[in-house]
Amino acid sequence: MHIGKNIAAACAVSLALLALSACQKKDETAGAGPAEQVGRKIDQVTEKTGRELTQAAEKANENIARTAQDAKEKINEATEQAGKAAEKVGEKVEQAGEKIQESARKARQ
């Protein structure tokens, strides 16, 4: 029965070593020909460029959104100021109308 435990332990150690060796990163270019190596380099550059373009596009979208928000706030402010100015003009027109009516009343008397 002592031999059975040794065999089980040896099997366990063997399985652990096998698992560890399978986890090791293999050199991607080992055994690859020149064309395959160039192809892998192209893939790496393409992937990196794609990530950089995506980041640049995201930053541009953020800038566009910020600029649009700023423009919206300025338009709202200008609209509010125009509304206040229109109100003042309306008040002045009303005052002028009242003066005209008063002058007409005095002229009739």
C-alpha atoms as a PDB file:
ATOM      1  CA  MET A   1       0.000   0.000   0.000  1.00  0.00           C
ATOM      2  CA  HIS A   2       2.999   2.266   0.520  1.00  0.00           C
ATOM      3  CA  ILE A   3       3.903   1.872  -3.156  1.00  0.00           C
ATOM      4  CA  GLY A   4       0.412   2.995  -4.203  1.00  0.00           C
ATOM      5  CA  LYS A   5       0.853   6.278  -2.333  1.00  0.00           C
ATOM      6  CA  ASN A   6       4.204   6.867  -4.075  1.00  0.00           C
ATOM      7  CA  ILE A   7       2.667   6.225  -7.468  1.00  0.00           C
ATOM      8  CA  ALA A   8      -0.212   8.585  -6.709  1.00  0.00           C
ATOM      9  CA  ALA A   9       2.226  11.261  -5.559  1.00  0.00           C
ATOM     10  CA  ALA A  10       4.361  10.797  -8.667  1.00  0.00           C
ATOM     11  CA  CYS A  11       1.268  11.096 -10.864  1.00  0.00           C
ATOM     12  CA  ALA A  12       0.217  14.265  -9.064  1.00  0.00           C
ATOM     13  CA  VAL A  13       3.687  15.812  -9.481  1.00  0.00           C
ATOM     14  CA  SER A  14       3.732  14.799 -13.145  1.00  0.00           C
ATOM     15  CA  LEU A  15       0.336  16.375 -13.759  1.00  0.00           C
ATOM     16  CA  ALA A  16       1.421  19.583 -12.021  1.00  0.00           C
ATOM     17  CA  LEU A  17       4.599  19.794 -14.140  1.00  0.00           C
ATOM     18  CA  LEU A  18       2.610  19.143 -17.289  1.00  0.00           C
ATOM     19  CA  ALA A  19       0.150  21.897 -16.378  1.00  0.00           C
ATOM     20  CA  LEU A  20       2.970  24.352 -15.662  1.00  0.00           C
ATOM     21  CA  SER A  21       4.729  23.612 -18.923  1.00  0.00           C
ATOM     22  CA  ALA A  22       1.500  24.170 -20.830  1.00  0.00           C
ATOM     23  CA  CYS A  23       1.110  27.594 -19.187  1.00  0.00           C
ATOM     24  CA  GLN A  24       4.493  28.863 -20.303  1.00  0.00           C
ATOM     25  CA  LYS A  25       4.392  31.490 -23.044  1.00  0.00           C
ATOM     26  CA  LYS A  26       5.881  30.186 -26.235  1.00  0.00           C
ATOM     27  CA  ASP A  27       7.941  32.408 -28.495  1.00  0.00           C
ATOM     28  CA  GLU A  28       5.530  33.348 -31.252  1.00  0.00           C
ATOM     29  CA  THR A  29       8.252  33.743 -33.831  1.00  0.00           C
ATOM     30  CA  ALA A  30      10.026  30.449 -33.063  1.00  0.00           C
ATOM     31  CA  GLY A  31       9.922  28.284 -36.149  1.00  0.00           C
ATOM     32  CA  ALA A  32       8.148  30.968 -38.151  1.00  0.00           C
ATOM     33  CA  GLY A  33       9.451  31.900 -41.559  1.00  0.00           C
ATOM     34  CA  PRO A  34      10.320  35.450 -42.602  1.00  0.00           C
ATOM     35  CA  ALA A  35       6.938  36.079 -44.209  1.00  0.00           C
ATOM     36  CA  GLU A  36       5.095  34.882 -41.118  1.00  0.00           C
ATOM     37  CA  GLN A  37       7.275  37.067 -38.894  1.00  0.00           C
ATOM     38  CA  VAL A  38       6.563  40.106 -41.081  1.00  0.00           C
ATOM     39  CA  GLY A  39       2.861  39.239 -41.036  1.00  0.00           C
ATOM     40  CA  ARG A  40       2.876  39.123 -37.243  1.00  0.00           C
ATOM     41  CA  LYS A  41       4.679  42.461 -37.063  1.00  0.00           C
ATOM     42  CA  ILE A  42       2.090  43.960 -39.434  1.00  0.00           C
ATOM     43  CA  ASP A  43      -0.685  42.571 -37.224  1.00  0.00           C
ATOM     44  CA  GLN A  44       0.927  44.144 -34.135  1.00  0.00           C
ATOM     45  CA  VAL A  45       1.335  47.526 -35.813  1.00  0.00           C
ATOM     46  CA  THR A  46      -2.220  47.394 -37.168  1.00  0.00           C
ATOM     47  CA  GLU A  47      -3.607  46.546 -33.732  1.00  0.00           C
ATOM     48  CA  LYS A  48      -1.621  49.338 -32.066  1.00  0.00           C
ATOM     49  CA  THR A  49      -2.672  51.851 -34.718  1.00  0.00           C
ATOM     50  CA  GLY A  50      -6.301  50.789 -34.325  1.00  0.00           C
ATOM     51  CA  ARG A  51      -6.143  51.360 -30.569  1.00  0.00           C
ATOM     52  CA  GLU A  52      -4.536  54.778 -31.062  1.00  0.00           C
ATOM     53  CA  LEU A  53      -7.156  55.781 -33.643  1.00  0.00           C
ATOM     54  CA  THR A  54      -9.944  54.660 -31.331  1.00  0.00           C
ATOM     55  CA  GLN A  55      -8.491  56.721 -28.480  1.00  0.00           C
ATOM     56  CA  ALA A  56      -8.108  59.753 -30.748  1.00  0.00           C
ATOM     57  CA  ALA A  57     -11.711  59.392 -31.952  1.00  0.00           C
ATOM     58  CA  GLU A  58     -12.979  59.133 -28.370  1.00  0.00           C
ATOM     59  CA  LYS A  59     -11.049  62.276 -27.398  1.00  0.00           C
ATOM     60  CA  ALA A  60     -12.392  64.104 -30.469  1.00  0.00           C
ATOM     61  CA  ASN A  61     -15.948  63.066 -29.543  1.00  0.00           C
ATOM     62  CA  GLU A  62     -15.421  64.388 -26.008  1.00  0.00           C
ATOM     63  CA  ASN A  63     -14.142  67.694 -27.403  1.00  0.00           C
ATOM     64  CA  ILE A  64     -17.078  67.947 -29.809  1.00  0.00           C
ATOM     65  CA  ALA A  65     -19.550  67.233 -27.003  1.00  0.00           C
ATOM     66  CA  ARG A  66     -17.896  69.841 -24.772  1.00  0.00           C
ATOM     67  CA  THR A  67     -17.926  72.428 -27.576  1.00  0.00           C
ATOM     68  CA  ALA A  68     -21.573  71.683 -28.365  1.00  0.00           C
ATOM     69  CA  GLN A  69     -22.496  72.093 -24.684  1.00  0.00           C
ATOM     70  CA  ASP A  70     -20.645  75.422 -24.540  1.00  0.00           C
ATOM     71  CA  ALA A  71     -22.426  76.615 -27.691  1.00  0.00           C
ATOM     72  CA  LYS A  72     -25.791  75.550 -26.276  1.00  0.00           C
ATOM     73  CA  GLU A  73     -25.152  77.503 -23.079  1.00  0.00           C
ATOM     74  CA  LYS A  74     -24.145  80.611 -25.049  1.00  0.00           C
ATOM     75  CA  ILE A  75     -27.238  80.343 -27.268  1.00  0.00           C
ATOM     76  CA  ASN A  76     -29.458  80.000 -24.205  1.00  0.00           C
ATOM     77  CA  GLU A  77     -27.817  83.045 -22.619  1.00  0.00           C
ATOM     78  CA  ALA A  78     -28.184  85.091 -25.815  1.00  0.00           C
ATOM     79  CA  THR A  79     -31.831  84.014 -26.129  1.00  0.00           C
ATOM     80  CA  GLU A  80     -32.484  85.059 -22.550  1.00  0.00           C
ATOM     81  CA  GLN A  81     -30.854  88.454 -23.134  1.00  0.00           C
ATOM     82  CA  ALA A  82     -32.843  88.935 -26.354  1.00  0.00           C
ATOM     83  CA  GLY A  83     -36.038  88.122 -24.445  1.00  0.00           C
ATOM     84  CA  LYS A  84     -35.208  90.727 -21.797  1.00  0.00           C
ATOM     85  CA  ALA A  85     -34.417  93.304 -24.505  1.00  0.00           C
ATOM     86  CA  ALA A  86     -37.726  92.556 -26.271  1.00  0.00           C
ATOM     87  CA  GLU A  87     -39.530  93.016 -22.956  1.00  0.00           C
ATOM     88  CA  LYS A  88     -37.917  96.443 -22.488  1.00  0.00           C
ATOM     89  CA  VAL A  89     -38.832  97.447 -26.042  1.00  0.00           C
ATOM     90  CA  GLY A  90     -42.412  96.355 -25.360  1.00  0.00           C
ATOM     91  CA  GLU A  91     -42.505  98.481 -22.211  1.00  0.00           C
ATOM     92  CA  LYS A  92     -41.176 101.508 -24.125  1.00  0.00           C
ATOM     93  CA  VAL A  93     -43.764 101.012 -26.894  1.00  0.00           C
ATOM     94  CA  GLU A  94     -46.503 100.765 -24.270  1.00  0.00           C
ATOM     95  CA  GLN A  95     -45.278 103.966 -22.583  1.00  0.00           C
ATOM     96  CA  ALA A  96     -45.180 105.738 -25.962  1.00  0.00           C
ATOM     97  CA  GLY A  97     -48.738 104.557 -26.672  1.00  0.00           C
ATOM     98  CA  GLU A  98     -49.911 105.875 -23.343  1.00  0.00           C
ATOM     99  CA  LYS A  99     -48.282 109.258 -24.048  1.00  0.00           C
ATOM    100  CA  ILE A 100     -49.932 109.393 -27.483  1.00  0.00           C
ATOM    101  CA  GLN A 101     -53.332 108.616 -25.934  1.00  0.00           C
ATOM    102  CA  GLU A 102     -52.789 111.265 -23.244  1.00  0.00           C
ATOM    103  CA  SER A 103     -51.809 113.833 -25.883  1.00  0.00           C
ATOM    104  CA  ALA A 104     -54.920 112.959 -27.914  1.00  0.00           C
ATOM    105  CA  ARG A 105     -57.139 113.416 -24.830  1.00  0.00           C
ATOM    106  CA  LYS A 106     -55.607 116.813 -24.094  1.00  0.00           C
ATOM    107  CA  ALA A 107     -56.069 117.854 -27.713  1.00  0.00           C
ATOM    108  CA  ARG A 108     -59.812 117.021 -27.546  1.00  0.00           C
ATOM    109  CA  GLN A 109     -60.370 119.084 -24.473  1.00  0.00           C
END
